[in-house]
N, C-alpha and C. Protein backbone atom coordinates (compact mmCIF):
# COMPACT_ATOMS: atom_id res chain seq x y z
N MET A 1 0.84 -1.17 0.00
CA MET A 1 0.00 0.00 0.00
C MET A 1 0.89 1.24 0.00
N SER A 2 0.48 2.22 -0.76
CA SER A 2 1.27 3.44 -0.81
C SER A 2 0.93 4.33 0.37
N LYS A 3 1.79 5.34 0.56
CA LYS A 3 1.55 6.28 1.67
C LYS A 3 0.25 7.04 1.47
N LYS A 4 -0.08 7.37 0.21
CA LYS A 4 -1.29 8.14 -0.07
C LYS A 4 -2.54 7.34 0.31
N SER A 5 -2.61 6.10 -0.13
CA SER A 5 -3.81 5.30 0.16
C SER A 5 -3.89 4.97 1.65
N SER A 6 -2.74 4.80 2.30
CA SER A 6 -2.72 4.56 3.74
C SER A 6 -3.22 5.78 4.50
N ARG A 7 -2.80 6.97 4.08
CA ARG A 7 -3.24 8.21 4.72
C ARG A 7 -4.75 8.40 4.50
N GLY A 8 -5.24 8.10 3.31
CA GLY A 8 -6.67 8.21 3.02
C GLY A 8 -7.50 7.27 3.87
N LEU A 9 -6.98 6.07 4.08
CA LEU A 9 -7.67 5.10 4.93
C LEU A 9 -7.74 5.59 6.37
N TRP A 10 -6.64 6.12 6.88
CA TRP A 10 -6.63 6.64 8.25
C TRP A 10 -7.56 7.85 8.40
N ASN A 11 -7.60 8.70 7.40
CA ASN A 11 -8.53 9.85 7.43
C ASN A 11 -9.98 9.37 7.47
N SER A 12 -10.29 8.33 6.71
CA SER A 12 -11.65 7.78 6.71
C SER A 12 -12.00 7.18 8.07
N ILE A 13 -11.06 6.44 8.64
CA ILE A 13 -11.29 5.84 9.96
C ILE A 13 -11.47 6.92 11.02
N THR A 14 -10.65 7.97 10.96
CA THR A 14 -10.77 9.08 11.91
C THR A 14 -12.13 9.76 11.78
N ALA A 15 -12.57 9.99 10.55
CA ALA A 15 -13.88 10.62 10.32
C ALA A 15 -15.00 9.73 10.87
N LEU A 16 -14.90 8.42 10.64
CA LEU A 16 -15.91 7.49 11.15
C LEU A 16 -15.95 7.51 12.68
N ILE A 17 -14.80 7.53 13.31
CA ILE A 17 -14.74 7.59 14.78
C ILE A 17 -15.38 8.88 15.29
N LEU A 18 -15.11 10.00 14.63
CA LEU A 18 -15.71 11.28 15.04
C LEU A 18 -17.23 11.27 14.88
N VAL A 19 -17.73 10.68 13.81
CA VAL A 19 -19.18 10.59 13.61
C VAL A 19 -19.81 9.72 14.70
N ILE A 20 -19.21 8.58 14.99
CA ILE A 20 -19.73 7.70 16.04
C ILE A 20 -19.72 8.41 17.39
N ALA A 21 -18.66 9.14 17.69
CA ALA A 21 -18.58 9.89 18.96
C ALA A 21 -19.66 10.97 19.02
N ALA A 22 -19.89 11.67 17.91
CA ALA A 22 -20.92 12.72 17.89
C ALA A 22 -22.31 12.13 18.10
N VAL A 23 -22.59 10.99 17.48
CA VAL A 23 -23.89 10.33 17.67
C VAL A 23 -24.04 9.87 19.11
N ALA A 24 -23.00 9.30 19.69
CA ALA A 24 -23.07 8.84 21.08
C ALA A 24 -23.31 10.00 22.03
N ILE A 25 -22.61 11.11 21.83
CA ILE A 25 -22.80 12.29 22.69
C ILE A 25 -24.22 12.83 22.55
N THR A 26 -24.73 12.88 21.32
CA THR A 26 -26.10 13.35 21.09
C THR A 26 -27.10 12.46 21.82
N LEU A 27 -26.92 11.15 21.74
CA LEU A 27 -27.83 10.23 22.45
C LEU A 27 -27.78 10.44 23.95
N VAL A 28 -26.60 10.62 24.50
CA VAL A 28 -26.47 10.85 25.94
C VAL A 28 -27.22 12.12 26.35
N VAL A 29 -27.06 13.19 25.57
CA VAL A 29 -27.74 14.46 25.88
C VAL A 29 -29.26 14.29 25.79
N VAL A 30 -29.75 13.62 24.77
CA VAL A 30 -31.20 13.41 24.61
C VAL A 30 -31.75 12.57 25.74
N ILE A 31 -31.08 11.49 26.09
CA ILE A 31 -31.54 10.63 27.19
C ILE A 31 -31.55 11.41 28.50
N TYR A 32 -30.53 12.19 28.75
CA TYR A 32 -30.48 13.00 29.98
C TYR A 32 -31.63 14.01 29.99
N ALA A 33 -31.87 14.68 28.87
CA ALA A 33 -32.94 15.68 28.81
C ALA A 33 -34.29 15.05 29.10
N PHE A 34 -34.57 13.88 28.53
CA PHE A 34 -35.84 13.23 28.78
C PHE A 34 -35.95 12.73 30.21
N SER A 35 -34.86 12.30 30.80
CA SER A 35 -34.93 11.84 32.20
C SER A 35 -35.20 13.01 33.13
N VAL A 36 -34.64 14.17 32.84
CA VAL A 36 -34.89 15.36 33.67
C VAL A 36 -36.33 15.81 33.51
N MET A 37 -36.82 15.82 32.28
CA MET A 37 -38.20 16.27 32.03
C MET A 37 -39.21 15.33 32.68
N SER A 38 -38.97 14.04 32.65
CA SER A 38 -39.94 13.11 33.20
C SER A 38 -39.92 13.08 34.72
N SER A 39 -38.87 13.61 35.35
CA SER A 39 -38.81 13.58 36.81
C SER A 39 -39.38 14.83 37.45
N THR A 40 -39.82 15.81 36.65
CA THR A 40 -40.39 17.02 37.23
C THR A 40 -41.77 16.73 37.78
N ASN A 41 -42.18 17.52 38.77
CA ASN A 41 -43.47 17.31 39.42
C ASN A 41 -44.58 18.17 38.85
N LEU A 42 -44.34 18.82 37.73
CA LEU A 42 -45.35 19.70 37.18
C LEU A 42 -46.58 18.91 36.76
N HIS A 43 -47.70 19.39 37.17
CA HIS A 43 -48.99 18.83 36.80
C HIS A 43 -49.14 17.36 37.20
N GLN A 44 -48.58 16.99 38.31
CA GLN A 44 -48.76 15.65 38.82
C GLN A 44 -50.05 15.53 39.61
N VAL A 45 -50.62 16.68 39.98
CA VAL A 45 -51.87 16.72 40.73
C VAL A 45 -52.72 17.83 40.15
N TYR A 46 -53.97 17.54 39.87
CA TYR A 46 -54.86 18.58 39.36
C TYR A 46 -56.31 18.22 39.65
N VAL A 47 -57.14 19.25 39.67
CA VAL A 47 -58.58 19.09 39.91
C VAL A 47 -59.25 18.89 38.56
N ILE A 48 -60.19 17.94 38.50
CA ILE A 48 -60.95 17.77 37.27
C ILE A 48 -62.38 18.25 37.48
N GLY A 49 -62.88 18.91 36.48
CA GLY A 49 -64.26 19.38 36.53
C GLY A 49 -64.46 20.49 37.54
N GLN A 50 -65.72 20.78 37.76
CA GLN A 50 -66.10 21.81 38.73
C GLN A 50 -66.77 21.13 39.91
N GLY A 51 -66.37 21.52 41.09
CA GLY A 51 -66.93 20.91 42.29
C GLY A 51 -68.17 21.63 42.78
N SER A 52 -68.73 21.08 43.84
CA SER A 52 -69.93 21.68 44.43
C SER A 52 -69.59 22.36 45.74
N LEU A 53 -70.43 23.32 46.10
CA LEU A 53 -70.26 24.07 47.35
C LEU A 53 -71.64 24.32 47.90
N LYS A 54 -71.88 23.88 49.15
CA LYS A 54 -73.20 24.08 49.75
C LYS A 54 -73.06 24.26 51.25
N GLU A 55 -74.13 24.70 51.87
CA GLU A 55 -74.14 24.85 53.32
C GLU A 55 -74.83 23.64 53.92
N SER A 56 -74.24 23.10 54.98
CA SER A 56 -74.80 21.94 55.65
C SER A 56 -74.45 22.00 57.13
N ASN A 57 -75.45 21.95 57.97
CA ASN A 57 -75.26 21.96 59.43
C ASN A 57 -74.38 23.11 59.90
N GLY A 58 -74.58 24.28 59.33
CA GLY A 58 -73.84 25.47 59.75
C GLY A 58 -72.42 25.55 59.23
N GLU A 59 -72.05 24.67 58.31
CA GLU A 59 -70.72 24.71 57.70
C GLU A 59 -70.85 24.80 56.18
N ILE A 60 -69.81 25.30 55.55
CA ILE A 60 -69.74 25.32 54.09
C ILE A 60 -68.98 24.06 53.67
N VAL A 61 -69.58 23.26 52.79
CA VAL A 61 -69.01 21.98 52.39
C VAL A 61 -68.69 22.02 50.89
N ALA A 62 -67.45 21.73 50.55
CA ALA A 62 -67.02 21.70 49.15
C ALA A 62 -66.55 20.29 48.79
N ASN A 63 -66.97 19.82 47.63
CA ASN A 63 -66.54 18.52 47.12
C ASN A 63 -65.78 18.71 45.81
N LEU A 64 -64.61 18.10 45.72
CA LEU A 64 -63.79 18.18 44.51
C LEU A 64 -63.22 16.80 44.18
N THR A 65 -63.00 16.57 42.89
CA THR A 65 -62.30 15.37 42.46
C THR A 65 -60.91 15.78 42.01
N ILE A 66 -59.91 15.15 42.62
CA ILE A 66 -58.51 15.48 42.36
C ILE A 66 -57.83 14.25 41.77
N ILE A 67 -57.13 14.44 40.67
CA ILE A 67 -56.34 13.35 40.09
C ILE A 67 -54.89 13.55 40.51
N SER A 68 -54.29 12.48 40.99
CA SER A 68 -52.90 12.53 41.41
C SER A 68 -52.13 11.42 40.71
N HIS A 69 -50.88 11.69 40.37
CA HIS A 69 -50.03 10.68 39.75
C HIS A 69 -48.99 10.16 40.73
N ALA A 70 -49.08 10.61 41.97
CA ALA A 70 -48.16 10.15 43.02
C ALA A 70 -48.85 10.39 44.36
N ASN A 71 -48.21 9.98 45.44
CA ASN A 71 -48.76 10.22 46.77
C ASN A 71 -48.39 11.63 47.24
N TYR A 72 -49.38 12.35 47.71
CA TYR A 72 -49.18 13.69 48.26
C TYR A 72 -50.05 13.84 49.51
N ILE A 73 -49.72 14.83 50.31
CA ILE A 73 -50.50 15.16 51.50
C ILE A 73 -51.05 16.57 51.33
N ILE A 74 -52.34 16.73 51.60
CA ILE A 74 -52.94 18.06 51.63
C ILE A 74 -52.64 18.64 53.00
N VAL A 75 -51.92 19.75 53.05
CA VAL A 75 -51.56 20.34 54.34
C VAL A 75 -52.54 21.43 54.76
N ASN A 76 -53.25 22.00 53.79
CA ASN A 76 -54.23 23.03 54.12
C ASN A 76 -55.07 23.30 52.88
N ALA A 77 -56.21 23.94 53.08
CA ALA A 77 -57.06 24.38 51.98
C ALA A 77 -57.76 25.64 52.42
N SER A 78 -58.05 26.50 51.46
CA SER A 78 -58.77 27.72 51.80
C SER A 78 -59.80 28.03 50.71
N LEU A 79 -60.84 28.72 51.12
CA LEU A 79 -61.90 29.15 50.21
C LEU A 79 -61.59 30.57 49.78
N ASN A 80 -61.42 30.76 48.47
CA ASN A 80 -61.03 32.07 47.91
C ASN A 80 -59.77 32.64 48.56
N ASN A 81 -58.94 31.76 49.08
CA ASN A 81 -57.69 32.15 49.74
C ASN A 81 -57.92 33.09 50.92
N GLN A 82 -59.10 32.95 51.57
CA GLN A 82 -59.45 33.82 52.69
C GLN A 82 -59.83 33.04 53.95
N VAL A 83 -60.57 31.95 53.77
CA VAL A 83 -61.07 31.18 54.92
C VAL A 83 -60.46 29.78 54.87
N ASN A 84 -59.74 29.40 55.93
CA ASN A 84 -59.11 28.08 55.98
C ASN A 84 -60.12 26.99 56.29
N ALA A 85 -59.86 25.81 55.73
CA ALA A 85 -60.70 24.65 56.01
C ALA A 85 -60.57 24.27 57.48
N ILE A 86 -61.69 23.87 58.07
CA ILE A 86 -61.66 23.41 59.45
C ILE A 86 -61.52 21.89 59.52
N PHE A 87 -61.83 21.22 58.38
CA PHE A 87 -61.67 19.77 58.31
C PHE A 87 -61.58 19.37 56.84
N ILE A 88 -60.75 18.35 56.56
CA ILE A 88 -60.62 17.80 55.22
C ILE A 88 -60.85 16.30 55.34
N SER A 89 -61.77 15.76 54.52
CA SER A 89 -62.17 14.36 54.66
C SER A 89 -61.00 13.39 54.52
N SER A 90 -60.09 13.66 53.62
CA SER A 90 -58.89 12.83 53.47
C SER A 90 -57.75 13.74 53.05
N THR A 91 -56.70 13.74 53.83
CA THR A 91 -55.55 14.59 53.49
C THR A 91 -54.52 13.86 52.65
N THR A 92 -54.73 12.57 52.41
CA THR A 92 -53.80 11.79 51.60
C THR A 92 -54.33 11.65 50.19
N LEU A 93 -53.53 12.09 49.22
CA LEU A 93 -53.86 11.89 47.81
C LEU A 93 -53.06 10.70 47.31
N ARG A 94 -53.75 9.74 46.75
CA ARG A 94 -53.10 8.56 46.19
C ARG A 94 -53.20 8.61 44.66
N PRO A 95 -52.37 7.87 43.96
CA PRO A 95 -52.47 7.87 42.49
C PRO A 95 -53.87 7.49 42.03
N GLY A 96 -54.40 8.26 41.09
CA GLY A 96 -55.75 8.03 40.57
C GLY A 96 -56.69 9.13 41.01
N ASN A 97 -57.99 8.83 40.95
CA ASN A 97 -59.03 9.79 41.34
C ASN A 97 -59.20 9.81 42.85
N ASN A 98 -59.29 11.01 43.41
CA ASN A 98 -59.52 11.20 44.84
C ASN A 98 -60.68 12.18 45.00
N THR A 99 -61.76 11.74 45.62
CA THR A 99 -62.86 12.65 45.91
C THR A 99 -62.67 13.17 47.33
N ILE A 100 -62.49 14.48 47.45
CA ILE A 100 -62.16 15.09 48.73
C ILE A 100 -63.26 16.07 49.11
N THR A 101 -63.64 16.05 50.38
CA THR A 101 -64.63 16.99 50.92
C THR A 101 -63.91 17.93 51.88
N PHE A 102 -64.13 19.22 51.66
CA PHE A 102 -63.53 20.27 52.48
C PHE A 102 -64.63 20.96 53.28
N TYR A 103 -64.40 21.17 54.56
CA TYR A 103 -65.38 21.84 55.43
C TYR A 103 -64.81 23.18 55.86
N PHE A 104 -65.61 24.23 55.69
CA PHE A 104 -65.22 25.59 56.04
C PHE A 104 -66.22 26.17 57.02
N PRO A 105 -65.80 27.13 57.84
CA PRO A 105 -66.78 27.79 58.72
C PRO A 105 -67.81 28.53 57.87
N SER A 106 -68.99 28.68 58.43
CA SER A 106 -70.08 29.34 57.70
C SER A 106 -69.73 30.80 57.42
N ILE A 107 -69.87 31.18 56.16
CA ILE A 107 -69.70 32.57 55.75
C ILE A 107 -70.80 32.89 54.74
N SER A 108 -70.98 34.15 54.46
CA SER A 108 -72.01 34.57 53.52
C SER A 108 -71.52 34.34 52.09
N LEU A 109 -72.26 33.53 51.33
CA LEU A 109 -71.91 33.24 49.94
C LEU A 109 -73.08 33.58 49.02
N ILE A 110 -72.79 33.81 47.77
CA ILE A 110 -73.82 34.17 46.79
C ILE A 110 -74.19 32.93 45.98
N PRO A 111 -75.49 32.57 45.93
CA PRO A 111 -75.91 31.40 45.15
C PRO A 111 -75.51 31.52 43.67
N ASP A 112 -75.16 30.40 43.08
CA ASP A 112 -74.75 30.29 41.68
C ASP A 112 -73.47 31.07 41.36
N HIS A 113 -72.74 31.46 42.39
CA HIS A 113 -71.49 32.18 42.20
C HIS A 113 -70.33 31.19 42.26
N GLU A 114 -69.30 31.42 41.44
CA GLU A 114 -68.14 30.54 41.41
C GLU A 114 -67.09 31.00 42.41
N TYR A 115 -66.57 30.03 43.17
CA TYR A 115 -65.52 30.29 44.15
C TYR A 115 -64.33 29.38 43.86
N THR A 116 -63.19 29.70 44.44
CA THR A 116 -61.97 28.92 44.21
C THR A 116 -61.49 28.31 45.52
N ILE A 117 -61.21 27.02 45.48
CA ILE A 117 -60.59 26.33 46.61
C ILE A 117 -59.09 26.25 46.32
N TYR A 118 -58.29 26.78 47.22
CA TYR A 118 -56.83 26.69 47.12
C TYR A 118 -56.40 25.49 47.96
N ILE A 119 -55.71 24.55 47.33
CA ILE A 119 -55.30 23.33 48.02
C ILE A 119 -53.77 23.31 48.10
N TYR A 120 -53.25 23.31 49.32
CA TYR A 120 -51.81 23.38 49.57
C TYR A 120 -51.27 21.98 49.84
N LEU A 121 -50.27 21.57 49.05
CA LEU A 121 -49.72 20.22 49.17
C LEU A 121 -48.36 20.23 49.87
N ASN A 122 -47.97 19.06 50.34
CA ASN A 122 -46.71 18.93 51.08
C ASN A 122 -45.47 19.16 50.22
N ASN A 123 -45.60 19.17 48.91
CA ASN A 123 -44.44 19.45 48.05
C ASN A 123 -44.32 20.94 47.72
N GLY A 124 -45.17 21.77 48.35
CA GLY A 124 -45.13 23.21 48.12
C GLY A 124 -46.05 23.68 47.01
N GLU A 125 -46.61 22.76 46.29
CA GLU A 125 -47.50 23.12 45.18
C GLU A 125 -48.86 23.55 45.70
N VAL A 126 -49.48 24.48 45.00
CA VAL A 126 -50.85 24.91 45.30
C VAL A 126 -51.68 24.62 44.07
N ILE A 127 -52.74 23.83 44.24
CA ILE A 127 -53.63 23.57 43.12
C ILE A 127 -54.95 24.26 43.39
N LEU A 128 -55.63 24.64 42.33
CA LEU A 128 -56.88 25.38 42.45
C LEU A 128 -58.03 24.55 41.94
N GLY A 129 -59.14 24.63 42.68
CA GLY A 129 -60.36 23.95 42.27
C GLY A 129 -61.51 24.93 42.22
N SER A 130 -62.30 24.84 41.17
CA SER A 130 -63.44 25.73 41.01
C SER A 130 -64.69 25.05 41.56
N VAL A 131 -65.46 25.79 42.36
CA VAL A 131 -66.71 25.27 42.92
C VAL A 131 -67.80 26.33 42.74
N VAL A 132 -69.04 25.88 42.63
CA VAL A 132 -70.17 26.80 42.51
C VAL A 132 -71.07 26.60 43.71
N TYR A 133 -71.42 27.70 44.36
CA TYR A 133 -72.29 27.64 45.54
C TYR A 133 -73.72 27.40 45.10
N GLN A 134 -74.34 26.38 45.68
CA GLN A 134 -75.72 26.02 45.34
C GLN A 134 -76.66 26.35 46.47
């Protein structure tokens, strides 16, 4: 083999090695990016639909359905971010649908008016649920 053809062969092998290295690095970056994105807690818990709000036995009672993709604890809830819940039927959210009832002290509400339940979770997230007073 001549020096020219030997040099050409080595240049081809070097180029092939660089292409393989570039593909490998790209795959590592893509896999890392997807692993970071899938481990975020965004939207792991959310309220579906609109809940109900009514007065019962001198208390305001709100019912909401919450979907969770992991276990969470409800640490507090408030009505319109003003009145704290005095009792929550279940403070543990498990994966799947969770029907939760929130009890608030009696306050003056307007029939057919929409209110917001602020739900505070143990991971620092606050989710909002819409309820209509009946």
